[in-house]
Protein backbone atom coordinates (compact mmCIF):
# COMPACT_ATOMS: atom_id res chain seq x y z
CA MET A 1 -4.45 24.45 2.18
CA THR A 2 -2.21 21.44 2.70
CA LEU A 3 -3.18 17.69 2.19
CA GLN A 4 -2.16 15.53 5.49
CA TYR A 5 -2.85 12.30 4.35
CA ALA A 6 -5.65 12.35 2.55
CA HIS A 7 -7.80 14.64 5.25
CA ARG A 8 -9.35 18.28 4.07
CA GLU A 9 -9.72 20.19 6.73
CA SER A 10 -12.24 22.98 7.74
CA ALA A 11 -11.08 26.31 9.48
CA GLY A 12 -11.18 25.12 13.03
CA SER A 13 -10.47 21.20 12.68
CA GLU A 14 -8.67 19.03 15.18
CA ALA A 15 -5.34 17.96 13.05
CA PRO A 16 -5.59 14.05 11.68
CA ASN A 17 -5.37 11.50 14.13
CA PRO A 18 -4.12 8.36 12.46
CA LEU A 19 -4.44 6.40 15.28
CA ALA A 20 -7.79 7.67 16.13
CA ASP A 21 -8.99 7.28 12.63
CA PHE A 22 -7.66 3.37 12.34
CA LEU A 23 -9.35 1.97 15.17
CA ARG A 24 -12.23 3.75 13.97
CA ALA A 25 -12.05 1.67 11.32
CA HIS A 26 -11.24 -1.09 12.31
CA ARG A 27 -13.61 -1.61 15.08
CA ALA A 28 -16.10 -1.11 12.58
CA ARG A 29 -15.06 -3.48 10.68
CA ILE A 30 -15.57 -6.52 12.95
CA THR A 31 -18.63 -7.89 13.88
CA PRO A 32 -19.81 -9.54 17.36
CA VAL A 33 -19.76 -13.19 15.85
CA GLN A 34 -16.26 -12.29 14.71
CA ALA A 35 -15.47 -10.99 17.99
CA GLY A 36 -17.32 -14.01 19.91
CA ILE A 37 -19.60 -11.53 21.30
CA PRO A 38 -23.04 -12.91 21.75
CA SER A 39 -26.27 -11.10 20.74
CA TYR A 40 -28.82 -12.49 23.04
CA GLY A 41 -31.45 -11.62 19.76
CA THR A 42 -31.36 -7.50 20.35
CA THR A 43 -30.89 -5.15 17.90
CA ARG A 44 -27.54 -2.92 16.99
CA ARG A 45 -27.69 0.43 15.43
CA VAL A 46 -23.92 -0.54 13.90
CA PRO A 47 -22.38 -3.80 12.44
CA GLY A 48 -19.30 -3.30 14.03
CA LEU A 49 -18.52 -3.40 18.01
CA ARG A 50 -19.20 -0.81 20.73
CA ARG A 51 -16.47 1.07 22.27
CA GLU A 52 -16.98 -1.08 25.52
CA GLU A 53 -17.36 -3.97 23.60
CA LEU A 54 -13.66 -3.54 22.54
CA ALA A 55 -12.48 -2.30 25.63
CA GLN A 56 -12.88 -5.33 27.15
CA LEU A 57 -11.90 -7.24 24.84
CA ALA A 58 -8.67 -5.87 25.04
CA GLY A 59 -8.63 -5.61 28.41
CA VAL A 60 -8.42 -1.63 28.69
CA SER A 61 -10.87 0.82 30.31
CA VAL A 62 -13.57 2.38 28.24
CA ASN A 63 -12.34 5.67 29.24
CA TYR A 64 -9.14 5.41 28.10
CA TYR A 65 -10.41 3.38 25.03
CA THR A 66 -12.68 6.19 23.72
CA ARG A 67 -9.53 9.11 24.72
CA LEU A 68 -7.34 7.12 22.40
CA GLU A 69 -10.40 6.92 19.69
CA GLN A 70 -10.50 10.68 20.39
CA GLY A 71 -7.28 11.21 19.81
CA GLU A 72 -6.82 12.71 23.46
CA ALA A 73 -4.67 9.70 25.05
CA LYS A 74 -0.94 10.02 24.22
CA ASN A 75 1.69 7.30 23.89
CA PRO A 76 -0.25 4.39 24.46
CA SER A 77 1.80 1.66 25.89
CA GLU A 78 3.06 -1.51 23.81
CA GLY A 79 1.47 -4.01 25.54
CA ILE A 80 -2.03 -2.10 25.20
CA ILE A 81 -1.71 -1.72 21.35
CA THR A 82 -1.21 -5.43 21.18
CA SER A 83 -4.24 -6.05 23.21
CA LEU A 84 -6.21 -3.49 20.96
CA ALA A 85 -4.24 -5.30 17.41
CA ARG A 86 -5.10 -9.02 18.99
CA ALA A 87 -9.03 -8.00 19.62
CA LEU A 88 -9.41 -6.27 16.18
CA ASP A 89 -8.04 -9.80 14.76
CA LEU A 90 -5.28 -7.72 13.06
CA ASP A 91 -2.91 -9.66 10.54
CA GLU A 92 0.71 -9.45 10.54
CA ASP A 93 1.12 -6.27 8.45
CA ALA A 94 -2.09 -4.75 9.89
CA THR A 95 -0.42 -5.39 13.56
CA SER A 96 2.89 -4.35 11.92
CA TYR A 97 1.43 -0.77 10.89
CA LEU A 98 -0.93 -0.14 14.56
CA HIS A 99 2.54 0.11 16.37
CA SER A 100 4.01 2.44 13.52
CA ILE A 101 1.35 4.76 13.98
CA ALA A 102 0.72 4.38 17.81
CA GLY A 103 4.56 5.01 18.03
CA THR A 104 5.14 1.65 19.73
CA THR A 105 7.34 0.05 17.08
CA PRO A 106 9.76 2.79 15.63
CA PRO A 107 10.50 1.79 11.91
CA THR A 108 13.21 0.07 11.13
CA HIS A 109 15.83 1.44 8.67
CA GLY A 110 18.64 -0.59 6.79
CA THR A 111 21.65 0.69 7.29
CA VAL A 112 23.81 1.53 3.70
CA ASP A 113 27.66 0.54 3.56
CA PRO A 114 29.89 3.63 2.86
CA GLY A 115 31.89 1.17 0.66
CA ALA A 116 28.98 -0.07 -1.18
CA SER A 117 27.81 3.60 -2.56
CA GLU A 118 26.23 4.01 -6.19
CA ALA A 119 27.19 7.41 -6.58
CA GLY A 120 29.61 7.19 -9.87
CA MET A 121 28.97 3.51 -10.30
CA SER A 122 27.96 2.51 -13.99
CA PHE A 123 26.24 -0.11 -12.36
CA THR A 124 23.19 0.98 -10.34
CA PHE A 125 20.58 -0.63 -8.67
CA GLU A 126 18.09 0.82 -11.70
CA ARG A 127 20.04 -1.01 -14.41
CA LEU A 128 19.57 -4.79 -12.78
CA VAL A 129 16.06 -4.38 -14.84
CA GLU A 130 18.37 -4.09 -18.15
CA TYR A 131 19.90 -7.63 -17.06
CA MET A 132 16.24 -9.29 -16.88
CA PRO A 133 15.43 -10.01 -20.67
CA GLY A 134 12.92 -12.65 -19.87
CA THR A 135 11.21 -11.28 -17.02
CA ALA A 136 9.05 -8.00 -17.28
CA ALA A 137 10.87 -6.02 -14.14
CA ILE A 138 10.37 -2.89 -13.21
CA THR A 139 12.30 -0.66 -10.89
CA LEU A 140 9.85 1.61 -8.16
CA SER A 141 10.83 4.47 -5.59
CA ALA A 142 9.31 4.15 -1.99
CA THR A 143 5.92 6.07 -3.44
CA ASN A 144 6.06 3.54 -6.78
CA ASP A 145 7.50 6.61 -9.46
CA VAL A 146 9.07 4.29 -12.07
CA LEU A 147 12.88 4.83 -11.87
CA SER A 148 13.50 1.86 -14.65
CA CYS A 149 11.86 -0.55 -16.73
CA ASN A 150 12.92 -3.31 -19.55
CA HIS A 151 11.78 -3.72 -22.49
CA LEU A 152 9.67 -6.29 -21.58
CA ALA A 153 8.03 -4.66 -18.70
CA HIS A 154 7.55 -1.40 -21.52
CA GLN A 155 5.09 -3.62 -23.55
CA LEU A 156 3.21 -4.86 -21.22
CA PHE A 157 2.17 -1.76 -18.99
CA PHE A 158 3.55 1.11 -20.67
CA ALA A 159 3.03 0.70 -24.51
CA HIS A 160 0.37 3.01 -25.36
CA MET A 161 3.03 5.66 -23.23
CA GLY A 162 5.61 5.46 -26.38
CA GLN A 163 9.17 5.09 -25.98
CA GLU A 164 9.91 8.89 -25.79
CA ASP A 165 8.26 9.27 -22.59
CA ARG A 166 11.01 7.42 -20.72
CA ASP A 167 12.91 10.05 -20.12
CA GLU A 168 10.42 11.51 -18.05
CA LEU A 169 10.47 8.28 -15.65
CA GLY A 170 9.12 9.40 -12.00
CA ALA A 171 7.82 12.74 -13.16
CA ARG A 172 4.44 11.12 -15.26
CA TRP A 173 4.92 7.39 -14.40
CA ASN A 174 4.14 6.17 -11.46
CA THR A 175 2.13 3.03 -10.92
CA HIS A 176 -0.65 4.10 -7.97
CA ARG A 177 -1.36 7.27 -10.36
CA LEU A 178 -1.61 5.02 -13.47
CA LEU A 179 -4.05 2.51 -12.18
CA PHE A 180 -6.25 5.18 -10.51
CA THR A 181 -6.25 7.75 -13.44
CA ASP A 182 -5.04 6.36 -16.91
CA PRO A 183 -8.12 3.98 -18.77
CA TYR A 184 -5.81 1.78 -20.13
CA THR A 185 -3.74 1.08 -17.25
CA ARG A 186 -7.14 0.64 -15.88
CA ASP A 187 -8.23 -1.46 -18.18
CA LEU A 188 -5.46 -3.84 -17.99
CA TYR A 189 -6.09 -5.56 -14.95
CA ARG A 190 -9.15 -8.09 -15.04
CA HIS A 191 -9.83 -7.48 -11.80
CA TRP A 192 -9.40 -3.73 -10.91
CA HIS A 193 -11.08 -3.51 -8.07
CA GLU A 194 -8.84 -5.78 -6.51
CA GLU A 195 -5.18 -4.43 -7.87
CA ALA A 196 -6.72 -0.97 -6.33
CA ALA A 197 -7.69 -2.27 -3.47
CA LEU A 198 -4.23 -3.98 -3.02
CA ALA A 199 -2.33 -0.99 -4.25
CA VAL A 200 -3.93 1.30 -1.44
CA ALA A 201 -2.94 -1.19 1.05
CA SER A 202 0.62 -1.11 0.50
CA LEU A 203 0.99 2.39 0.35
CA ARG A 204 -0.85 3.14 3.27
CA PHE A 205 2.18 0.24 5.01
CA HIS A 206 4.49 2.50 3.73
CA ALA A 207 3.10 5.27 4.62
CA ALA A 208 3.15 4.93 8.30
CA SER A 209 7.26 4.02 8.04
CA ALA A 210 7.93 6.94 6.65
CA PRO A 211 5.22 9.56 8.52
CA ASP A 212 6.51 13.12 7.39
CA ASP A 213 7.70 11.78 3.80
CA ALA A 214 6.63 14.41 1.53
CA ALA A 215 6.20 12.65 -1.36
CA VAL A 216 3.93 10.26 0.30
CA GLN A 217 1.68 12.81 1.50
CA ALA A 218 1.99 14.48 -1.69
CA LEU A 219 1.08 11.43 -3.65
CA VAL A 220 -1.94 10.74 -0.97
CA GLY A 221 -3.54 13.96 -1.23
CA GLU A 222 -3.49 14.78 -5.00
CA LEU A 223 -5.30 10.61 -5.47
CA CYS A 224 -7.65 11.56 -3.10
CA VAL A 225 -8.59 14.76 -5.19
CA THR A 226 -8.33 13.33 -8.76
CA SER A 227 -10.13 9.62 -7.46
CA SER A 228 -13.09 9.04 -5.57
CA GLU A 229 -12.51 5.81 -5.54
CA PHE A 230 -9.00 6.22 -4.17
CA ALA A 231 -9.98 8.17 -1.46
CA ARG A 232 -13.24 5.53 -0.74
CA LEU A 233 -9.90 3.02 -0.28
CA TRP A 234 -7.97 5.22 1.67
CA ALA A 235 -10.30 6.16 4.28
CA GLU A 236 -10.98 2.09 4.90
CA HIS A 237 -7.45 1.86 6.19
CA PRO A 238 -6.57 -1.35 4.35
CA VAL A 239 -2.70 -2.27 5.07
CA ARG A 240 -0.73 -5.00 3.60
CA ARG A 241 2.40 -5.95 3.07
CA CYS A 242 3.10 -6.64 -0.94
CA THR A 243 5.81 -8.90 -1.45
CA ARG A 244 4.38 -11.34 -4.22
CA GLY A 245 1.06 -12.92 -5.83
CA THR A 246 -0.44 -12.91 -9.13
CA LYS A 247 -1.23 -10.20 -11.42
CA HIS A 248 -4.24 -11.14 -13.94
CA LEU A 249 -3.98 -8.85 -17.14
CA ILE A 250 -5.92 -8.18 -20.40
CA HIS A 251 -3.07 -7.33 -22.82
CA PRO A 252 -4.87 -5.92 -26.06
CA GLY A 253 -2.68 -8.24 -28.04
CA HIS A 254 -2.23 -11.54 -26.13
CA GLY A 255 -5.80 -11.25 -24.14
CA ASP A 256 -5.82 -12.75 -20.90
CA LEU A 257 -2.31 -12.96 -19.13
CA ASP A 258 -1.66 -14.63 -15.49
CA LEU A 259 2.03 -13.16 -14.04
CA GLU A 260 3.81 -13.77 -11.50
CA TYR A 261 5.14 -11.31 -9.33
CA GLN A 262 7.65 -11.19 -6.29
CA VAL A 263 9.44 -7.92 -4.80
CA LEU A 264 13.37 -7.17 -4.45
CA HIS A 265 14.34 -4.49 -1.83
CA ALA A 266 17.18 -2.55 -2.41
CA PRO A 267 19.94 -2.49 -0.18
CA GLY A 268 20.08 0.33 2.27
CA GLY A 269 16.35 0.18 3.47
CA ASP A 270 15.57 3.74 0.63
CA GLY A 271 12.17 2.22 -0.48
CA ARG A 272 13.67 1.46 -3.82
CA ARG A 273 12.55 -2.12 -4.76
CA ILE A 274 12.94 -4.52 -8.17
CA LEU A 275 9.09 -5.62 -9.01
CA ILE A 276 9.87 -8.83 -11.06
CA HIS A 277 6.99 -10.30 -13.10
CA THR A 278 6.79 -14.40 -14.62
CA THR A 279 5.44 -16.88 -16.01
CA THR A 280 4.95 -20.89 -15.59
CA PRO A 281 6.97 -22.28 -18.47
CA GLY A 282 4.57 -23.84 -21.76
CA SER A 283 2.25 -21.52 -20.38
CA PRO A 284 -0.37 -19.00 -22.59
CA ALA A 285 1.06 -16.48 -20.93
CA ALA A 286 4.69 -17.36 -21.05
CA ASP A 287 4.23 -17.71 -25.04
CA ALA A 288 2.98 -14.18 -24.73
CA LEU A 289 6.00 -12.55 -23.34
CA HIS A 290 8.35 -14.48 -25.83
CA VAL A 291 6.81 -13.19 -28.64
CA LEU A 292 7.01 -9.32 -26.88
CA SER A 293 10.72 -9.80 -26.04
C-alpha cells in the first residue's frame, strides 16, 4: 500500500488529514498555563488543552472545532485558521504552514523569466558552488538531494563516501536520508537530536507548499520505515523554515567545529537552494577549513 505522508493506513480506515493531525498534535503540546487558563486545583487527564478550551480561546464553537479535528469540516475560513493559530501560540512559520494545509493561503511560487532559462548554459545554478572556494557550499533540491558540492563541503560532510560516488549525486546523497540512516553523518553532529528535529521541521514546512509532490511523499514514507526516530519526530508535526543558523560538528580530523550556515534560494521558485557554511575569521574552525580546502 502506498505511503502518503508517512501514514500507513489499515484497510477501511479514513484517509490522512494533515489539518486534523496538526491541530491535535499542537493542542496536546500547549498547556493551560501557557494559554492562561486557570486550573482551580483540579487534576487533568492530559497535559494539553481540551477541545472546548481551545475552541473558546479561538472564538469558534466547540462543535465546529471538533469537526475540524475529526476531518469532517471542510474549507475553514482564513479568519478561523488565523484565530486557531493565535490560540495555539504558533510562530510565523507554523502559522504559514497551518494556512497552507487548511487551503486558506495558497503556496507562493516564483515566476521564471523565460530569458533566464538555464537550458543549454554552461554556467548553471548548481555550478555556483565551484566559485565559492572559501566556503563549504552545497546545492540541494527541494527534498535535499545533493545536486552539487564543492571540494570543501565534500571534505566536511561527505568524505566517507569517496569522490567516485559523486556521479551518483541525488540518487544516494540526500542530507535527510544520511542524517537518519548513515552512522558517519550521525556522528558528525555534536547535537544530533537538535539537527534531526530541525531537518524534520524543515521538510514538513516544504511538504505543505508541495502537498502533491511524489518525491516528498516517497522520502517521508521511506524514512518513517527505516528510522523510528524520524517517524516519531514527523508525528509531532514540528514546523520551521530554516534559513540560517549554526551547525556544531565533530570532524574526524579536526575535532569540534562551529559553522554558520545560510540558505540562498534559486530564482524561479523550484525549491533548489545553496547551503553555505562559513566561519569566524581567526577561529579554530576557520583554520580547519583552510587546511581542508
